[in-house]
Protein backbone atom coordinates (compact mmCIF):
# COMPACT_ATOMS: atom_id res chain seq x y z
CA MET A 1 -35.75 22.83 -42.03
CA ALA A 2 -35.96 26.45 -40.86
CA ASP A 3 -32.80 28.37 -39.97
CA VAL A 4 -32.31 29.86 -36.51
CA LEU A 5 -32.19 33.65 -36.73
CA THR A 6 -29.18 35.59 -35.53
CA ALA A 7 -29.46 37.59 -32.31
CA GLU A 8 -29.43 40.78 -34.38
CA ALA A 9 -32.22 39.54 -36.66
CA VAL A 10 -34.39 38.61 -33.67
CA ARG A 11 -33.82 42.07 -32.12
CA ASP A 12 -34.69 43.76 -35.42
CA GLU A 13 -37.86 41.72 -35.85
CA LEU A 14 -38.95 42.31 -32.24
CA SER A 15 -38.78 46.06 -32.85
CA GLY A 16 -41.85 45.53 -35.06
CA LEU A 17 -43.56 43.40 -32.42
CA PRO A 18 -43.67 45.78 -29.43
CA ASP A 19 -45.63 43.42 -27.16
CA TRP A 20 -43.07 40.63 -27.58
CA SER A 21 -39.68 40.14 -25.97
CA GLY A 22 -36.98 37.53 -26.13
CA ASP A 23 -33.85 36.43 -27.90
CA GLN A 24 -32.57 33.61 -30.12
CA ALA A 25 -33.76 31.04 -27.57
CA GLY A 26 -37.42 32.10 -27.75
CA ILE A 27 -39.88 34.97 -27.84
CA ALA A 28 -42.82 35.62 -25.53
CA ARG A 29 -45.81 37.85 -25.00
CA THR A 30 -48.21 38.16 -22.07
CA VAL A 31 -51.67 39.57 -22.64
CA GLU A 32 -54.58 40.20 -20.29
CA LEU A 33 -58.08 39.93 -21.68
CA ALA A 34 -61.28 41.42 -20.28
CA THR A 35 -62.78 38.08 -19.27
CA PHE A 36 -61.82 34.45 -18.88
CA THR A 37 -64.12 33.64 -21.79
CA ASP A 38 -62.24 36.13 -24.00
CA ALA A 39 -58.95 34.53 -22.97
CA ILE A 40 -60.17 31.07 -23.88
CA THR A 41 -61.58 32.39 -27.17
CA VAL A 42 -58.08 33.65 -28.02
CA VAL A 43 -56.58 30.27 -27.08
CA ASP A 44 -59.16 28.42 -29.20
CA ARG A 45 -58.50 30.62 -32.23
CA VAL A 46 -54.72 30.39 -31.81
CA ALA A 47 -55.04 26.59 -31.57
CA VAL A 48 -56.91 26.37 -34.88
CA MET A 49 -54.44 28.68 -36.60
CA ALA A 50 -51.43 26.84 -35.14
CA ASP A 51 -52.78 23.49 -36.33
CA GLU A 52 -53.18 24.94 -39.83
CA LEU A 53 -49.54 26.11 -39.74
CA ASP A 54 -48.31 22.95 -37.99
CA HIS A 55 -46.39 25.27 -35.68
CA HIS A 56 -47.60 25.61 -32.09
CA PRO A 57 -46.81 28.09 -29.32
CA ASP A 58 -46.48 27.16 -25.68
CA ILE A 59 -49.46 28.75 -23.91
CA ASP A 60 -49.83 29.45 -20.21
CA ILE A 61 -53.37 30.29 -19.02
CA ARG A 62 -53.85 32.16 -15.73
CA TRP A 63 -57.49 33.26 -15.53
CA ARG A 64 -57.64 36.24 -17.95
CA THR A 65 -53.88 36.35 -18.53
CA LEU A 66 -52.24 34.40 -21.33
CA THR A 67 -48.53 33.99 -21.99
CA PHE A 68 -47.44 32.80 -25.41
CA ARG A 69 -43.93 31.47 -26.03
CA CYS A 70 -42.67 30.74 -29.52
CA VAL A 71 -39.59 28.75 -30.46
CA THR A 72 -38.91 26.21 -33.17
CA HIS A 73 -38.05 23.20 -31.02
CA SER A 74 -36.65 21.15 -33.90
CA VAL A 75 -33.79 23.65 -34.31
CA ASP A 76 -33.76 24.93 -30.71
CA GLY A 77 -34.18 28.60 -31.59
CA VAL A 78 -36.27 31.35 -33.12
CA THR A 79 -37.01 31.12 -36.84
CA ARG A 80 -39.15 33.11 -39.27
CA ARG A 81 -41.97 30.67 -38.47
CA ASP A 82 -42.00 31.93 -34.87
CA LEU A 83 -42.20 35.55 -35.95
CA ASP A 84 -45.05 34.75 -38.33
CA LEU A 85 -46.80 32.91 -35.50
CA ALA A 86 -46.32 35.93 -33.20
CA ARG A 87 -47.87 38.27 -35.79
CA ARG A 88 -50.85 35.96 -36.21
CA ILE A 89 -51.31 35.72 -32.43
CA ASP A 90 -51.27 39.53 -32.23
CA LYS A 91 -53.97 39.72 -34.92
CA ILE A 92 -56.19 37.27 -33.03
CA VAL A 93 -55.73 39.18 -29.77
CA ARG A 94 -56.70 42.46 -31.49
CA GLU A 95 -59.80 40.85 -32.97
CA VAL A 96 -61.02 39.43 -29.64
CA ARG A 97 -60.30 42.56 -27.61
């Protein structure tokens, strides 16, 4: 089972993820894509990647705007798995943009 990160560790890690915010309870990022199709492409690619990792973000879709929320529900907090997921989401967003 993954360990919940300390508040300080989450802050430190978020400094390297400038589009993300949050705390020990969860991290989030909102991104706006050029088109609805681009937004859904991001969601589709994140879904495949998340299934491969067996670690899934919460995703809110509002036309071209996506909000991703990452937390490890089994331990009720942010773990290294969430930070890895955030980095992979960022990579997918960069590739689709």
